[in-house]
Amino acid sequence: MIVVKGAREQYLAVGEGLVSVTGNRVAIITDMAVAAESIDEARAEEARQRAAARLQEKISDEEVASVNASLVRSLAQLRAKRHRRI
């Protein structure tokens, strides 16, 4: 997500949530919002790799859901961090 205030743009990695738009105001309720500049790209990439490897193992449905959530979080962080560099 890109937040624009005046001439300043801030890139955020966001999770699932709700958006409310009224007039010129946008409100977002989410389970995750991390500023791109505070994301450690190496750690996010390691988390992505761990989650992808874990999904190759024989794990329970509950573990699959948890690992998928971790994978989605790390991918969102990587997208925000890498998009900011462009």
C-alpha atoms as a PDB file:
ATOM      1  CA  MET A   1       0.000   0.000   0.000  1.00  0.00           C
ATOM      2  CA  ILE A   2       1.199   3.525  -0.678  1.00  0.00           C
ATOM      3  CA  VAL A   3       0.268   6.293   1.751  1.00  0.00           C
ATOM      4  CA  VAL A   4       0.533   9.783   0.251  1.00  0.00           C
ATOM      5  CA  LYS A   5       0.740  12.852   2.488  1.00  0.00           C
ATOM      6  CA  GLY A   6       1.492  15.991   0.531  1.00  0.00           C
ATOM      7  CA  ALA A   7       4.472  15.181  -1.689  1.00  0.00           C
ATOM      8  CA  ARG A   8       5.651  12.316   0.547  1.00  0.00           C
ATOM      9  CA  GLU A   9       4.955   8.666  -0.282  1.00  0.00           C
ATOM     10  CA  GLN A  10       5.296   5.893   2.280  1.00  0.00           C
ATOM     11  CA  TYR A  11       5.201   2.239   1.239  1.00  0.00           C
ATOM     12  CA  LEU A  12       3.623  -0.251   3.650  1.00  0.00           C
ATOM     13  CA  ALA A  13       3.290  -4.012   3.667  1.00  0.00           C
ATOM     14  CA  VAL A  14      -0.264  -4.721   4.803  1.00  0.00           C
ATOM     15  CA  GLY A  15      -2.157  -7.857   5.699  1.00  0.00           C
ATOM     16  CA  GLU A  16      -5.798  -8.748   5.413  1.00  0.00           C
ATOM     17  CA  GLY A  17      -8.354  -6.326   6.719  1.00  0.00           C
ATOM     18  CA  LEU A  18     -11.104  -3.848   5.991  1.00  0.00           C
ATOM     19  CA  VAL A  19     -11.131  -0.493   4.212  1.00  0.00           C
ATOM     20  CA  SER A  20     -13.596   2.339   4.751  1.00  0.00           C
ATOM     21  CA  VAL A  21     -13.653   5.282   2.314  1.00  0.00           C
ATOM     22  CA  THR A  22     -15.671   8.392   3.184  1.00  0.00           C
ATOM     23  CA  GLY A  23     -15.165  11.662   1.357  1.00  0.00           C
ATOM     24  CA  ASN A  24     -11.441  12.373   1.354  1.00  0.00           C
ATOM     25  CA  ARG A  25     -10.636   9.999   4.240  1.00  0.00           C
ATOM     26  CA  VAL A  26      -9.557   6.351   4.070  1.00  0.00           C
ATOM     27  CA  ALA A  27      -9.488   4.153   7.180  1.00  0.00           C
ATOM     28  CA  ILE A  28      -7.849   0.727   7.179  1.00  0.00           C
ATOM     29  CA  ILE A  29      -8.147  -1.998   9.793  1.00  0.00           C
ATOM     30  CA  THR A  30      -5.554  -4.707   9.234  1.00  0.00           C
ATOM     31  CA  ASP A  31      -3.696  -7.445  11.068  1.00  0.00           C
ATOM     32  CA  MET A  32      -0.337  -6.157   9.772  1.00  0.00           C
ATOM     33  CA  ALA A  33       1.083  -2.841   8.593  1.00  0.00           C
ATOM     34  CA  VAL A  34       4.854  -2.484   8.322  1.00  0.00           C
ATOM     35  CA  ALA A  35       6.672   0.492   6.808  1.00  0.00           C
ATOM     36  CA  ALA A  36       8.956  -0.601   3.960  1.00  0.00           C
ATOM     37  CA  GLU A  37      11.948   1.183   5.449  1.00  0.00           C
ATOM     38  CA  SER A  38      11.684  -0.902   8.624  1.00  0.00           C
ATOM     39  CA  ILE A  39      11.556  -4.255   6.799  1.00  0.00           C
ATOM     40  CA  ASP A  40      14.705  -6.379   6.914  1.00  0.00           C
ATOM     41  CA  GLU A  41      14.677  -7.841   3.409  1.00  0.00           C
ATOM     42  CA  ALA A  42      17.086 -10.675   4.258  1.00  0.00           C
ATOM     43  CA  ARG A  43      14.943 -11.793   7.212  1.00  0.00           C
ATOM     44  CA  ALA A  44      11.741 -11.597   5.142  1.00  0.00           C
ATOM     45  CA  GLU A  45      13.377 -13.679   2.391  1.00  0.00           C
ATOM     46  CA  GLU A  46      14.549 -16.256   4.952  1.00  0.00           C
ATOM     47  CA  ALA A  47      11.014 -16.451   6.360  1.00  0.00           C
ATOM     48  CA  ARG A  48       9.615 -16.933   2.857  1.00  0.00           C
ATOM     49  CA  GLN A  49      12.087 -19.746   2.159  1.00  0.00           C
ATOM     50  CA  ARG A  50      11.362 -21.452   5.486  1.00  0.00           C
ATOM     51  CA  ALA A  51       7.612 -21.309   4.872  1.00  0.00           C
ATOM     52  CA  ALA A  52       7.952 -22.619   1.307  1.00  0.00           C
ATOM     53  CA  ALA A  53      10.152 -25.497   2.515  1.00  0.00           C
ATOM     54  CA  ARG A  54       7.745 -26.288   5.362  1.00  0.00           C
ATOM     55  CA  LEU A  55       4.853 -26.571   2.895  1.00  0.00           C
ATOM     56  CA  GLN A  56       6.759 -29.358   1.114  1.00  0.00           C
ATOM     57  CA  GLU A  57       6.642 -31.449   4.313  1.00  0.00           C
ATOM     58  CA  LYS A  58       3.773 -33.623   5.484  1.00  0.00           C
ATOM     59  CA  ILE A  59       2.050 -31.350   7.997  1.00  0.00           C
ATOM     60  CA  SER A  60      -1.441 -31.061   9.439  1.00  0.00           C
ATOM     61  CA  ASP A  61      -4.148 -28.821   7.985  1.00  0.00           C
ATOM     62  CA  GLU A  62      -3.724 -26.454  10.937  1.00  0.00           C
ATOM     63  CA  GLU A  63       0.018 -26.207  10.294  1.00  0.00           C
ATOM     64  CA  VAL A  64      -0.616 -25.593   6.582  1.00  0.00           C
ATOM     65  CA  ALA A  65      -2.872 -22.653   7.483  1.00  0.00           C
ATOM     66  CA  SER A  66      -0.259 -21.214   9.846  1.00  0.00           C
ATOM     67  CA  VAL A  67       2.587 -21.655   7.361  1.00  0.00           C
ATOM     68  CA  ASN A  68       0.491 -20.123   4.566  1.00  0.00           C
ATOM     69  CA  ALA A  69      -0.155 -17.086   6.781  1.00  0.00           C
ATOM     70  CA  SER A  70       3.590 -16.756   7.409  1.00  0.00           C
ATOM     71  CA  LEU A  71       4.268 -17.052   3.701  1.00  0.00           C
ATOM     72  CA  VAL A  72       1.721 -14.346   2.859  1.00  0.00           C
ATOM     73  CA  ARG A  73       3.232 -12.003   5.476  1.00  0.00           C
ATOM     74  CA  SER A  74       6.775 -12.458   4.202  1.00  0.00           C
ATOM     75  CA  LEU A  75       5.689 -12.020   0.566  1.00  0.00           C
ATOM     76  CA  ALA A  76       3.829  -8.800   1.421  1.00  0.00           C
ATOM     77  CA  GLN A  77       6.928  -7.467   3.162  1.00  0.00           C
ATOM     78  CA  LEU A  78       9.178  -8.381   0.243  1.00  0.00           C
ATOM     79  CA  ARG A  79       6.819  -6.743  -2.270  1.00  0.00           C
ATOM     80  CA  ALA A  80       6.697  -3.519  -0.243  1.00  0.00           C
ATOM     81  CA  LYS A  81      10.458  -3.428   0.285  1.00  0.00           C
ATOM     82  CA  ARG A  82      11.317  -4.204  -3.331  1.00  0.00           C
ATOM     83  CA  HIS A  83       8.686  -1.852  -4.787  1.00  0.00           C
ATOM     84  CA  ARG A  84      10.085   1.018  -2.743  1.00  0.00           C
ATOM     85  CA  ARG A  85      13.500   0.587  -4.426  1.00  0.00           C
ATOM     86  CA  ILE A  86      12.085   0.909  -7.948  1.00  0.00           C
END
